[in-house]
N, C-alpha and C. Protein backbone atom coordinates (compact mmCIF):
# COMPACT_ATOMS: atom_id res chain seq x y z
N UNK A 1 -10.92 11.80 -5.17
CA UNK A 1 -10.15 12.42 -4.11
C UNK A 1 -8.69 12.00 -4.23
N UNK A 2 -8.34 10.78 -3.84
CA UNK A 2 -6.95 10.36 -3.99
C UNK A 2 -6.76 9.73 -5.37
N UNK A 3 -5.53 9.64 -5.78
CA UNK A 3 -5.22 9.10 -7.10
C UNK A 3 -4.60 7.72 -6.96
N UNK A 4 -5.33 6.80 -6.33
CA UNK A 4 -4.82 5.46 -6.12
C UNK A 4 -4.89 4.66 -7.41
N UNK A 5 -3.94 3.75 -7.57
CA UNK A 5 -3.96 2.85 -8.70
C UNK A 5 -4.99 1.77 -8.44
N UNK A 6 -5.58 1.20 -9.48
CA UNK A 6 -6.42 0.03 -9.26
C UNK A 6 -5.59 -1.06 -8.60
N UNK A 7 -6.19 -1.83 -7.71
CA UNK A 7 -5.47 -2.83 -6.93
C UNK A 7 -4.79 -3.87 -7.81
N UNK A 8 -5.33 -4.16 -8.97
CA UNK A 8 -4.77 -5.21 -9.80
C UNK A 8 -3.53 -4.77 -10.57
N UNK A 9 -3.39 -3.48 -10.80
CA UNK A 9 -2.29 -2.97 -11.62
C UNK A 9 -1.01 -2.84 -10.82
N UNK A 10 0.07 -3.38 -11.38
CA UNK A 10 1.38 -3.24 -10.74
C UNK A 10 2.10 -2.05 -11.38
N UNK A 11 2.79 -1.26 -10.58
CA UNK A 11 3.59 -0.18 -11.18
C UNK A 11 4.72 -0.77 -12.01
N UNK A 12 5.30 0.05 -12.84
CA UNK A 12 6.36 -0.41 -13.74
C UNK A 12 7.49 -1.13 -13.01
N UNK A 13 7.88 -0.64 -11.84
CA UNK A 13 9.05 -1.19 -11.16
C UNK A 13 8.71 -1.76 -9.78
N UNK A 14 7.49 -2.23 -9.59
CA UNK A 14 7.10 -2.72 -8.27
C UNK A 14 6.12 -3.87 -8.34
N UNK A 15 5.46 -4.09 -7.21
CA UNK A 15 4.48 -5.16 -7.13
C UNK A 15 3.10 -4.55 -6.94
N UNK A 16 2.08 -5.34 -7.20
CA UNK A 16 0.71 -4.85 -7.04
C UNK A 16 0.35 -4.75 -5.57
N UNK A 17 -0.73 -4.07 -5.27
CA UNK A 17 -1.19 -3.96 -3.89
C UNK A 17 -1.57 -5.33 -3.34
N UNK A 18 -2.16 -6.17 -4.16
CA UNK A 18 -2.52 -7.52 -3.70
C UNK A 18 -1.27 -8.32 -3.36
N UNK A 19 -0.23 -8.20 -4.19
CA UNK A 19 1.03 -8.90 -3.90
C UNK A 19 1.67 -8.37 -2.62
N UNK A 20 1.63 -7.07 -2.43
CA UNK A 20 2.19 -6.47 -1.21
C UNK A 20 1.42 -6.96 0.02
N UNK A 21 0.11 -7.01 -0.09
CA UNK A 21 -0.70 -7.51 1.02
C UNK A 21 -0.32 -8.93 1.38
N UNK A 22 -0.12 -9.78 0.37
CA UNK A 22 0.28 -11.17 0.62
C UNK A 22 1.65 -11.24 1.29
N UNK A 23 2.60 -10.44 0.83
CA UNK A 23 3.94 -10.43 1.42
C UNK A 23 3.87 -9.99 2.88
N UNK A 24 3.12 -8.93 3.14
CA UNK A 24 2.98 -8.45 4.52
C UNK A 24 2.29 -9.47 5.41
N UNK A 25 1.28 -10.13 4.88
CA UNK A 25 0.57 -11.16 5.65
C UNK A 25 1.52 -12.30 6.00
N UNK A 26 2.31 -12.75 5.04
CA UNK A 26 3.28 -13.82 5.29
C UNK A 26 4.31 -13.39 6.33
N UNK A 27 4.77 -12.15 6.24
CA UNK A 27 5.82 -11.67 7.13
C UNK A 27 5.33 -11.45 8.56
N UNK A 28 4.06 -11.10 8.71
CA UNK A 28 3.55 -10.77 10.04
C UNK A 28 2.74 -11.88 10.68
N UNK A 29 2.36 -12.88 9.90
CA UNK A 29 1.52 -13.95 10.43
C UNK A 29 0.05 -13.57 10.50
N UNK A 30 -0.31 -12.45 9.93
CA UNK A 30 -1.71 -12.02 9.89
C UNK A 30 -2.33 -12.46 8.57
N UNK A 31 -3.65 -12.42 8.51
CA UNK A 31 -4.33 -12.75 7.27
C UNK A 31 -4.32 -11.52 6.36
N UNK A 32 -4.47 -11.73 5.05
CA UNK A 32 -4.57 -10.58 4.15
C UNK A 32 -5.71 -9.63 4.55
N UNK A 33 -6.80 -10.19 5.04
CA UNK A 33 -7.93 -9.35 5.46
C UNK A 33 -7.55 -8.47 6.64
N UNK A 34 -6.78 -9.01 7.59
CA UNK A 34 -6.32 -8.21 8.73
C UNK A 34 -5.39 -7.09 8.27
N UNK A 35 -4.52 -7.40 7.31
CA UNK A 35 -3.62 -6.39 6.76
C UNK A 35 -4.43 -5.27 6.11
N UNK A 36 -5.43 -5.63 5.31
CA UNK A 36 -6.24 -4.63 4.62
C UNK A 36 -7.03 -3.78 5.60
N UNK A 37 -7.59 -4.39 6.65
CA UNK A 37 -8.32 -3.60 7.66
C UNK A 37 -7.38 -2.63 8.36
N UNK A 38 -6.18 -3.08 8.66
CA UNK A 38 -5.20 -2.19 9.30
C UNK A 38 -4.81 -1.05 8.39
N UNK A 39 -4.65 -1.33 7.11
CA UNK A 39 -4.27 -0.29 6.15
C UNK A 39 -5.38 0.74 6.00
N UNK A 40 -6.63 0.28 6.04
CA UNK A 40 -7.75 1.21 5.92
C UNK A 40 -7.79 2.19 7.09
N UNK A 41 -7.29 1.76 8.24
CA UNK A 41 -7.31 2.61 9.43
C UNK A 41 -6.22 3.69 9.39
N UNK A 42 -5.22 3.52 8.53
CA UNK A 42 -4.14 4.50 8.42
C UNK A 42 -4.53 5.62 7.47
N UNK A 43 -4.06 6.80 7.74
CA UNK A 43 -4.37 7.96 6.90
C UNK A 43 -3.09 8.40 6.20
N UNK A 44 -2.90 7.95 4.96
CA UNK A 44 -1.72 8.30 4.19
C UNK A 44 -2.02 9.46 3.26
N UNK A 45 -1.07 10.37 3.13
CA UNK A 45 -1.18 11.42 2.14
C UNK A 45 -0.71 10.87 0.81
N UNK A 46 -1.35 11.27 -0.29
CA UNK A 46 -0.87 10.82 -1.59
C UNK A 46 0.52 11.37 -1.87
N UNK A 47 1.32 10.67 -2.67
CA UNK A 47 2.69 11.14 -2.96
C UNK A 47 2.73 12.57 -3.49
N UNK A 48 1.71 12.97 -4.21
CA UNK A 48 1.71 14.34 -4.76
C UNK A 48 1.63 15.40 -3.67
N UNK A 49 1.21 15.01 -2.46
CA UNK A 49 1.12 15.95 -1.34
C UNK A 49 2.23 15.75 -0.31
N UNK A 50 3.17 14.87 -0.60
CA UNK A 50 4.23 14.54 0.36
C UNK A 50 5.25 15.66 0.47
N UNK A 51 5.86 15.75 1.63
CA UNK A 51 6.95 16.69 1.85
C UNK A 51 8.24 16.05 1.34
N UNK A 52 8.97 16.76 0.52
CA UNK A 52 10.22 16.24 -0.05
C UNK A 52 11.38 16.79 0.77
N UNK A 53 12.23 15.88 1.25
CA UNK A 53 13.41 16.26 2.02
C UNK A 53 14.64 16.07 1.15
N UNK A 54 15.50 17.04 1.12
CA UNK A 54 16.74 16.94 0.36
C UNK A 54 17.88 16.85 1.37
N UNK A 55 18.35 15.62 1.62
CA UNK A 55 19.40 15.42 2.62
C UNK A 55 20.75 15.26 1.99
């Protein structure tokens, strides 16, 4: 269905999902597990379906 990257793989110019989860957990004071549960509750469209705005 969606074209998500494997969690372990980092994009060429970014951080991995696990690293992002750790950063968010540190910044919010939540546990990585709480961050992941919250993310699962969100409904994101894949970038290929995103609306592009030209401002």
